[in-house]
Amino acid sequence: MCALYIDADACPVKAEAERVATRHKLKMYLVSNGGLRPSANPLVEMVFVADGPDVADMWIADRATRGDVVVTGDIPLAAKCIANGARVLRHNGEVFTPANIGNQLAMRDLMTDLRAADPFRQGGGKAFTKADRSRFLSALERELTAASREKAE
């Protein structure tokens, strides 16, 4: 059966993902290193990992495989999950694919280098909007449907 993995730290769409997972009757894993309110939903498993860099990411990457869906904004985690065959999307509905993950990693590295070279170039990124939330819900439905088909094969 398809599973939904959420990189839950700073995820703005946990409640939406839970509603979709419940409608599809899928197991959902909220992975964090603490600070989340537990869900009463029996389909939602709260996974609290030890503090440390990328511990939650490693937990997800070690488990997500073909026929699973991962929600994250972390590009290196997305790359690992794609390599394992999982489907991956951002909180705003943008889908990471084998075709675009290389460019995403390169852009991430470039922006890291630019920020390191110019301490005044720290920018915050754009705000999360209702349109982003709507795009996420549509993309999650598509990816879960496709992942379920893959898992059945």
N, C-alpha and C. Protein backbone atom coordinates (compact mmCIF):
# COMPACT_ATOMS: atom_id res chain seq x y z
N MET A 1 0.84 -1.18 0.00
CA MET A 1 0.00 0.00 0.00
C MET A 1 0.89 1.25 0.00
N CYS A 2 0.45 2.24 -0.69
CA CYS A 2 1.13 3.53 -0.79
C CYS A 2 1.20 4.19 0.59
N ALA A 3 2.30 4.88 0.87
CA ALA A 3 2.44 5.63 2.11
C ALA A 3 2.80 7.08 1.77
N LEU A 4 2.43 7.99 2.67
CA LEU A 4 2.71 9.41 2.51
C LEU A 4 3.67 9.82 3.62
N TYR A 5 4.84 10.35 3.24
CA TYR A 5 5.85 10.80 4.19
C TYR A 5 5.91 12.32 4.14
N ILE A 6 5.80 12.95 5.31
CA ILE A 6 5.84 14.41 5.39
C ILE A 6 7.08 14.82 6.17
N ASP A 7 7.93 15.62 5.55
CA ASP A 7 9.06 16.25 6.24
C ASP A 7 8.42 17.40 7.03
N ALA A 8 8.04 17.11 8.28
CA ALA A 8 7.07 17.93 9.00
C ALA A 8 7.60 19.23 9.60
N ASP A 9 8.89 19.34 9.83
CA ASP A 9 9.41 20.60 10.39
C ASP A 9 9.14 21.72 9.38
N ALA A 10 8.46 22.74 9.82
CA ALA A 10 8.14 23.92 9.00
C ALA A 10 7.28 23.58 7.78
N CYS A 11 6.50 22.52 7.83
CA CYS A 11 5.61 22.17 6.72
C CYS A 11 4.27 22.88 6.91
N PRO A 12 3.88 23.75 5.97
CA PRO A 12 2.63 24.50 6.14
C PRO A 12 1.37 23.75 5.69
N VAL A 13 1.52 22.51 5.21
CA VAL A 13 0.35 21.81 4.66
C VAL A 13 0.10 20.46 5.35
N LYS A 14 0.47 20.34 6.61
CA LYS A 14 0.28 19.07 7.33
C LYS A 14 -1.20 18.71 7.42
N ALA A 15 -2.04 19.66 7.78
CA ALA A 15 -3.47 19.38 7.93
C ALA A 15 -4.10 18.98 6.60
N GLU A 16 -3.72 19.65 5.52
CA GLU A 16 -4.26 19.32 4.20
C GLU A 16 -3.83 17.92 3.79
N ALA A 17 -2.56 17.60 4.02
CA ALA A 17 -2.06 16.27 3.67
C ALA A 17 -2.78 15.19 4.48
N GLU A 18 -3.05 15.47 5.74
CA GLU A 18 -3.76 14.51 6.58
C GLU A 18 -5.18 14.26 6.05
N ARG A 19 -5.86 15.31 5.64
CA ARG A 19 -7.21 15.14 5.08
C ARG A 19 -7.19 14.28 3.82
N VAL A 20 -6.22 14.53 2.95
CA VAL A 20 -6.12 13.75 1.71
C VAL A 20 -5.76 12.30 2.01
N ALA A 21 -4.80 12.09 2.91
CA ALA A 21 -4.40 10.72 3.27
C ALA A 21 -5.58 9.97 3.89
N THR A 22 -6.36 10.63 4.70
CA THR A 22 -7.53 10.00 5.32
C THR A 22 -8.56 9.62 4.26
N ARG A 23 -8.79 10.52 3.32
CA ARG A 23 -9.75 10.23 2.25
C ARG A 23 -9.32 9.01 1.43
N HIS A 24 -8.01 8.87 1.23
CA HIS A 24 -7.47 7.75 0.46
C HIS A 24 -7.19 6.52 1.34
N LYS A 25 -7.39 6.68 2.65
CA LYS A 25 -7.13 5.60 3.62
C LYS A 25 -5.66 5.13 3.56
N LEU A 26 -4.75 6.10 3.55
CA LEU A 26 -3.31 5.82 3.46
C LEU A 26 -2.62 6.11 4.77
N LYS A 27 -1.59 5.36 5.05
CA LYS A 27 -0.73 5.62 6.21
C LYS A 27 0.08 6.87 5.92
N MET A 28 0.12 7.78 6.89
CA MET A 28 0.87 9.02 6.74
C MET A 28 1.86 9.12 7.89
N TYR A 29 3.11 9.42 7.57
CA TYR A 29 4.16 9.57 8.57
C TYR A 29 4.56 11.04 8.65
N LEU A 30 4.37 11.64 9.82
CA LEU A 30 4.83 13.00 10.07
C LEU A 30 6.17 12.89 10.78
N VAL A 31 7.25 13.23 10.09
CA VAL A 31 8.59 13.02 10.62
C VAL A 31 9.18 14.36 11.05
N SER A 32 9.60 14.41 12.31
CA SER A 32 10.10 15.65 12.89
C SER A 32 11.04 15.34 14.04
N ASN A 33 11.79 16.34 14.48
CA ASN A 33 12.58 16.13 15.69
C ASN A 33 11.92 16.81 16.88
N GLY A 34 10.59 16.90 16.85
CA GLY A 34 9.83 17.35 18.01
C GLY A 34 9.06 18.62 17.76
N GLY A 35 8.24 18.96 18.74
CA GLY A 35 7.51 20.22 18.67
C GLY A 35 6.21 20.17 17.91
N LEU A 36 5.74 19.00 17.51
CA LEU A 36 4.48 18.91 16.79
C LEU A 36 3.39 18.38 17.71
N ARG A 37 2.19 18.88 17.51
CA ARG A 37 1.04 18.36 18.25
C ARG A 37 0.64 17.02 17.64
N PRO A 38 0.52 15.98 18.45
CA PRO A 38 0.15 14.66 17.91
C PRO A 38 -1.24 14.67 17.30
N SER A 39 -1.42 13.84 16.30
CA SER A 39 -2.72 13.71 15.64
C SER A 39 -3.47 12.54 16.27
N ALA A 40 -4.78 12.68 16.40
CA ALA A 40 -5.62 11.59 16.92
C ALA A 40 -6.00 10.62 15.81
N ASN A 41 -5.67 10.94 14.58
CA ASN A 41 -6.01 10.12 13.43
C ASN A 41 -5.21 8.81 13.47
N PRO A 42 -5.87 7.66 13.43
CA PRO A 42 -5.13 6.40 13.49
C PRO A 42 -4.27 6.13 12.26
N LEU A 43 -4.52 6.83 11.16
CA LEU A 43 -3.70 6.66 9.96
C LEU A 43 -2.42 7.49 10.00
N VAL A 44 -2.31 8.39 10.96
CA VAL A 44 -1.15 9.27 11.06
C VAL A 44 -0.22 8.76 12.15
N GLU A 45 1.01 8.50 11.76
CA GLU A 45 2.03 8.09 12.72
C GLU A 45 3.02 9.23 12.90
N MET A 46 3.16 9.66 14.14
CA MET A 46 4.12 10.71 14.46
C MET A 46 5.47 10.03 14.68
N VAL A 47 6.48 10.47 13.95
CA VAL A 47 7.82 9.91 14.08
C VAL A 47 8.73 11.03 14.57
N PHE A 48 9.21 10.89 15.80
CA PHE A 48 10.12 11.87 16.36
C PHE A 48 11.52 11.29 16.34
N VAL A 49 12.41 11.96 15.62
CA VAL A 49 13.79 11.50 15.49
C VAL A 49 14.68 12.33 16.40
N ALA A 50 15.89 11.86 16.62
CA ALA A 50 16.85 12.58 17.46
C ALA A 50 17.22 13.92 16.82
N ASP A 51 17.61 14.86 17.66
CA ASP A 51 18.09 16.14 17.15
C ASP A 51 19.36 15.91 16.35
N GLY A 52 19.55 16.74 15.37
CA GLY A 52 20.76 16.64 14.56
C GLY A 52 20.43 16.98 13.13
N PRO A 53 21.45 17.40 12.40
CA PRO A 53 21.22 17.78 11.00
C PRO A 53 20.80 16.59 10.15
N ASP A 54 19.74 16.75 9.43
CA ASP A 54 19.28 15.78 8.43
C ASP A 54 18.84 14.42 9.00
N VAL A 55 18.59 14.31 10.29
CA VAL A 55 18.17 13.02 10.87
C VAL A 55 16.78 12.66 10.35
N ALA A 56 15.86 13.62 10.33
CA ALA A 56 14.52 13.36 9.80
C ALA A 56 14.60 13.01 8.31
N ASP A 57 15.44 13.71 7.59
CA ASP A 57 15.61 13.44 6.16
C ASP A 57 16.11 12.02 5.92
N MET A 58 17.08 11.60 6.72
CA MET A 58 17.61 10.23 6.56
C MET A 58 16.54 9.19 6.87
N TRP A 59 15.70 9.45 7.88
CA TRP A 59 14.64 8.51 8.24
C TRP A 59 13.70 8.32 7.05
N ILE A 60 13.32 9.43 6.43
CA ILE A 60 12.40 9.36 5.28
C ILE A 60 13.09 8.69 4.10
N ALA A 61 14.30 9.11 3.78
CA ALA A 61 15.03 8.58 2.62
C ALA A 61 15.26 7.07 2.74
N ASP A 62 15.42 6.58 3.96
CA ASP A 62 15.64 5.15 4.17
C ASP A 62 14.37 4.32 3.96
N ARG A 63 13.20 4.95 3.95
CA ARG A 63 11.94 4.21 3.89
C ARG A 63 11.10 4.45 2.64
N ALA A 64 11.16 5.64 2.08
CA ALA A 64 10.32 5.97 0.93
C ALA A 64 10.84 5.26 -0.32
N THR A 65 9.96 4.54 -0.99
CA THR A 65 10.33 3.79 -2.19
C THR A 65 9.26 3.97 -3.26
N ARG A 66 9.40 3.21 -4.32
CA ARG A 66 8.44 3.25 -5.43
C ARG A 66 7.02 3.03 -4.90
N GLY A 67 6.12 3.89 -5.32
CA GLY A 67 4.74 3.79 -4.88
C GLY A 67 4.44 4.61 -3.64
N ASP A 68 5.42 5.34 -3.13
CA ASP A 68 5.21 6.23 -1.98
C ASP A 68 5.31 7.67 -2.44
N VAL A 69 4.77 8.58 -1.62
CA VAL A 69 4.83 10.01 -1.92
C VAL A 69 5.48 10.72 -0.73
N VAL A 70 6.39 11.64 -1.04
CA VAL A 70 7.10 12.42 -0.03
C VAL A 70 6.79 13.90 -0.25
N VAL A 71 6.51 14.62 0.85
CA VAL A 71 6.30 16.06 0.79
C VAL A 71 7.44 16.72 1.54
N THR A 72 8.24 17.51 0.82
CA THR A 72 9.39 18.18 1.43
C THR A 72 9.78 19.40 0.60
N GLY A 73 10.45 20.32 1.25
CA GLY A 73 11.07 21.43 0.55
C GLY A 73 12.57 21.26 0.47
N ASP A 74 13.05 20.15 1.01
CA ASP A 74 14.49 19.87 1.07
C ASP A 74 14.93 19.18 -0.22
N ILE A 75 15.71 19.86 -1.03
CA ILE A 75 16.08 19.35 -2.34
C ILE A 75 16.99 18.12 -2.27
N PRO A 76 18.00 18.08 -1.40
CA PRO A 76 18.79 16.84 -1.30
C PRO A 76 17.95 15.63 -0.87
N LEU A 77 17.00 15.84 0.05
CA LEU A 77 16.09 14.75 0.43
C LEU A 77 15.25 14.32 -0.76
N ALA A 78 14.75 15.29 -1.50
CA ALA A 78 13.95 14.98 -2.69
C ALA A 78 14.77 14.13 -3.67
N ALA A 79 16.02 14.47 -3.87
CA ALA A 79 16.88 13.71 -4.79
C ALA A 79 17.05 12.27 -4.32
N LYS A 80 17.26 12.07 -3.03
CA LYS A 80 17.42 10.71 -2.49
C LYS A 80 16.13 9.90 -2.67
N CYS A 81 15.00 10.52 -2.40
CA CYS A 81 13.72 9.81 -2.52
C CYS A 81 13.41 9.48 -3.98
N ILE A 82 13.71 10.38 -4.88
CA ILE A 82 13.52 10.11 -6.31
C ILE A 82 14.40 8.95 -6.73
N ALA A 83 15.64 8.93 -6.25
CA ALA A 83 16.56 7.83 -6.57
C ALA A 83 16.00 6.49 -6.08
N ASN A 84 15.23 6.52 -5.00
CA ASN A 84 14.60 5.31 -4.46
C ASN A 84 13.30 4.95 -5.19
N GLY A 85 12.85 5.82 -6.10
CA GLY A 85 11.64 5.55 -6.87
C GLY A 85 10.39 6.22 -6.34
N ALA A 86 10.49 6.98 -5.25
CA ALA A 86 9.32 7.67 -4.68
C ALA A 86 8.95 8.89 -5.51
N ARG A 87 7.73 9.32 -5.35
CA ARG A 87 7.25 10.56 -5.95
C ARG A 87 7.40 11.65 -4.90
N VAL A 88 7.84 12.85 -5.32
CA VAL A 88 8.15 13.91 -4.36
C VAL A 88 7.56 15.23 -4.82
N LEU A 89 6.96 15.96 -3.86
CA LEU A 89 6.49 17.30 -4.18
C LEU A 89 6.77 18.26 -3.05
N ARG A 90 6.85 19.53 -3.43
CA ARG A 90 7.05 20.62 -2.47
C ARG A 90 5.71 20.99 -1.85
N HIS A 91 5.77 21.81 -0.82
CA HIS A 91 4.57 22.28 -0.14
C HIS A 91 3.69 23.15 -1.03
N ASN A 92 4.27 23.74 -2.07
CA ASN A 92 3.50 24.61 -2.96
C ASN A 92 2.95 23.86 -4.18
N GLY A 93 3.12 22.54 -4.21
CA GLY A 93 2.58 21.74 -5.31
C GLY A 93 3.55 21.47 -6.43
N GLU A 94 4.73 22.07 -6.40
CA GLU A 94 5.73 21.80 -7.43
C GLU A 94 6.23 20.36 -7.28
N VAL A 95 6.26 19.63 -8.37
CA VAL A 95 6.66 18.23 -8.33
C VAL A 95 8.13 18.11 -8.71
N PHE A 96 8.88 17.39 -7.88
CA PHE A 96 10.26 17.04 -8.21
C PHE A 96 10.22 15.77 -9.04
N THR A 97 10.98 15.73 -10.12
CA THR A 97 11.01 14.55 -10.99
C THR A 97 12.46 14.19 -11.30
N PRO A 98 12.69 13.00 -11.84
CA PRO A 98 14.05 12.67 -12.28
C PRO A 98 14.57 13.66 -13.32
N ALA A 99 13.66 14.24 -14.10
CA ALA A 99 14.07 15.18 -15.15
C ALA A 99 14.47 16.55 -14.61
N ASN A 100 13.92 16.97 -13.46
CA ASN A 100 14.23 18.33 -12.98
C ASN A 100 15.07 18.37 -11.71
N ILE A 101 15.30 17.25 -11.06
CA ILE A 101 16.00 17.29 -9.77
C ILE A 101 17.46 17.73 -9.90
N GLY A 102 18.11 17.39 -10.99
CA GLY A 102 19.50 17.82 -11.19
C GLY A 102 19.61 19.33 -11.25
N ASN A 103 18.72 19.95 -12.02
CA ASN A 103 18.71 21.42 -12.11
C ASN A 103 18.38 22.05 -10.76
N GLN A 104 17.45 21.44 -10.02
CA GLN A 104 17.08 21.96 -8.70
C GLN A 104 18.28 21.93 -7.75
N LEU A 105 19.02 20.82 -7.76
CA LEU A 105 20.22 20.71 -6.92
C LEU A 105 21.28 21.74 -7.32
N ALA A 106 21.48 21.90 -8.62
CA ALA A 106 22.47 22.87 -9.10
C ALA A 106 22.08 24.30 -8.71
N MET A 107 20.81 24.64 -8.83
CA MET A 107 20.34 25.98 -8.47
C MET A 107 20.48 26.20 -6.97
N ARG A 108 20.18 25.18 -6.18
CA ARG A 108 20.34 25.28 -4.73
C ARG A 108 21.80 25.56 -4.38
N ASP A 109 22.71 24.82 -5.00
CA ASP A 109 24.14 25.02 -4.73
C ASP A 109 24.61 26.40 -5.16
N LEU A 110 24.13 26.86 -6.32
CA LEU A 110 24.48 28.19 -6.80
C LEU A 110 24.01 29.26 -5.83
N MET A 111 22.77 29.16 -5.37
CA MET A 111 22.24 30.17 -4.45
C MET A 111 22.98 30.13 -3.11
N THR A 112 23.37 28.96 -2.66
CA THR A 112 24.16 28.84 -1.43
C THR A 112 25.48 29.58 -1.60
N ASP A 113 26.13 29.38 -2.74
CA ASP A 113 27.40 30.06 -3.00
C ASP A 113 27.22 31.57 -3.09
N LEU A 114 26.14 32.01 -3.74
CA LEU A 114 25.90 33.46 -3.86
C LEU A 114 25.65 34.09 -2.49
N ARG A 115 24.89 33.41 -1.65
CA ARG A 115 24.63 33.94 -0.30
C ARG A 115 25.92 33.98 0.52
N ALA A 116 26.77 32.98 0.36
CA ALA A 116 28.03 32.95 1.10
C ALA A 116 28.96 34.07 0.65
N ALA A 117 28.91 34.42 -0.63
CA ALA A 117 29.79 35.46 -1.18
C ALA A 117 29.30 36.86 -0.83
N ASP A 118 28.01 37.02 -0.58
CA ASP A 118 27.43 38.34 -0.31
C ASP A 118 26.55 38.24 0.93
N PRO A 119 27.07 38.60 2.10
CA PRO A 119 26.30 38.46 3.34
C PRO A 119 25.02 39.30 3.36
N PHE A 120 24.89 40.28 2.47
CA PHE A 120 23.68 41.10 2.43
C PHE A 120 22.60 40.48 1.56
N ARG A 121 22.93 39.40 0.86
CA ARG A 121 21.99 38.74 -0.05
C ARG A 121 21.39 37.54 0.68
N GLN A 122 20.58 37.79 1.67
CA GLN A 122 20.04 36.71 2.46
C GLN A 122 18.57 36.42 2.12
N GLY A 123 17.89 37.28 1.46
CA GLY A 123 16.51 37.14 1.05
C GLY A 123 15.69 36.07 1.74
N GLY A 124 14.43 36.31 1.91
CA GLY A 124 13.59 35.39 2.65
C GLY A 124 12.74 34.49 1.78
N GLY A 125 12.61 34.72 0.53
CA GLY A 125 11.71 33.92 -0.27
C GLY A 125 10.31 34.50 -0.22
N LYS A 126 9.43 33.94 -1.03
CA LYS A 126 8.09 34.52 -1.09
C LYS A 126 7.16 33.85 -0.09
N ALA A 127 6.11 34.55 0.25
CA ALA A 127 5.14 34.07 1.23
C ALA A 127 4.33 32.91 0.66
N PHE A 128 3.87 32.03 1.53
CA PHE A 128 3.02 30.91 1.16
C PHE A 128 1.60 31.43 1.01
N THR A 129 0.97 31.17 -0.15
CA THR A 129 -0.34 31.75 -0.45
C THR A 129 -1.45 30.69 -0.53
N LYS A 130 -2.68 31.17 -0.63
CA LYS A 130 -3.81 30.26 -0.82
C LYS A 130 -3.68 29.52 -2.15
N ALA A 131 -3.14 30.18 -3.15
CA ALA A 131 -2.93 29.53 -4.45
C ALA A 131 -1.91 28.39 -4.32
N ASP A 132 -0.87 28.60 -3.51
CA ASP A 132 0.12 27.53 -3.27
C ASP A 132 -0.56 26.33 -2.60
N ARG A 133 -1.42 26.61 -1.63
CA ARG A 133 -2.13 25.55 -0.91
C ARG A 133 -3.03 24.76 -1.87
N SER A 134 -3.72 25.47 -2.73
CA SER A 134 -4.61 24.83 -3.71
C SER A 134 -3.80 23.99 -4.70
N ARG A 135 -2.66 24.54 -5.18
CA ARG A 135 -1.79 23.80 -6.08
C ARG A 135 -1.26 22.54 -5.42
N PHE A 136 -0.92 22.65 -4.13
CA PHE A 136 -0.43 21.50 -3.38
C PHE A 136 -1.50 20.40 -3.33
N LEU A 137 -2.73 20.77 -3.00
CA LEU A 137 -3.79 19.77 -2.90
C LEU A 137 -4.01 19.05 -4.23
N SER A 138 -4.02 19.78 -5.33
CA SER A 138 -4.19 19.17 -6.65
C SER A 138 -3.03 18.24 -6.97
N ALA A 139 -1.81 18.71 -6.71
CA ALA A 139 -0.62 17.90 -7.00
C ALA A 139 -0.58 16.66 -6.12
N LEU A 140 -0.96 16.78 -4.86
CA LEU A 140 -0.95 15.63 -3.96
C LEU A 140 -1.93 14.57 -4.44
N GLU A 141 -3.11 14.98 -4.86
CA GLU A 141 -4.10 14.03 -5.40
C GLU A 141 -3.53 13.29 -6.61
N ARG A 142 -2.92 14.04 -7.54
CA ARG A 142 -2.33 13.43 -8.74
C ARG A 142 -1.23 12.44 -8.38
N GLU A 143 -0.32 12.87 -7.50
CA GLU A 143 0.82 12.02 -7.15
C GLU A 143 0.39 10.78 -6.38
N LEU A 144 -0.59 10.91 -5.48
CA LEU A 144 -1.07 9.73 -4.74
C LEU A 144 -1.75 8.73 -5.67
N THR A 145 -2.51 9.23 -6.62
CA THR A 145 -3.17 8.36 -7.59
C THR A 145 -2.13 7.61 -8.42
N ALA A 146 -1.13 8.33 -8.90
CA ALA A 146 -0.07 7.71 -9.70
C ALA A 146 0.75 6.73 -8.85
N ALA A 147 1.04 7.09 -7.60
CA ALA A 147 1.82 6.22 -6.72
C ALA A 147 1.04 4.93 -6.41
N SER A 148 -0.26 5.06 -6.22
CA SER A 148 -1.09 3.87 -5.96
C SER A 148 -1.06 2.90 -7.14
N ARG A 149 -1.09 3.47 -8.35
CA ARG A 149 -1.00 2.62 -9.55
C ARG A 149 0.35 1.91 -9.60
N GLU A 150 1.43 2.66 -9.29
CA GLU A 150 2.77 2.07 -9.29
C GLU A 150 2.89 0.95 -8.26
N LYS A 151 2.33 1.17 -7.10
CA LYS A 151 2.43 0.18 -6.02
C LYS A 151 1.67 -1.09 -6.42
N ALA A 152 0.58 -0.94 -7.17
CA ALA A 152 -0.22 -2.09 -7.58
C ALA A 152 0.48 -2.93 -8.63
N GLU A 153 1.39 -2.32 -9.39
CA GLU A 153 2.08 -3.03 -10.48
C GLU A 153 3.07 -4.04 -9.97
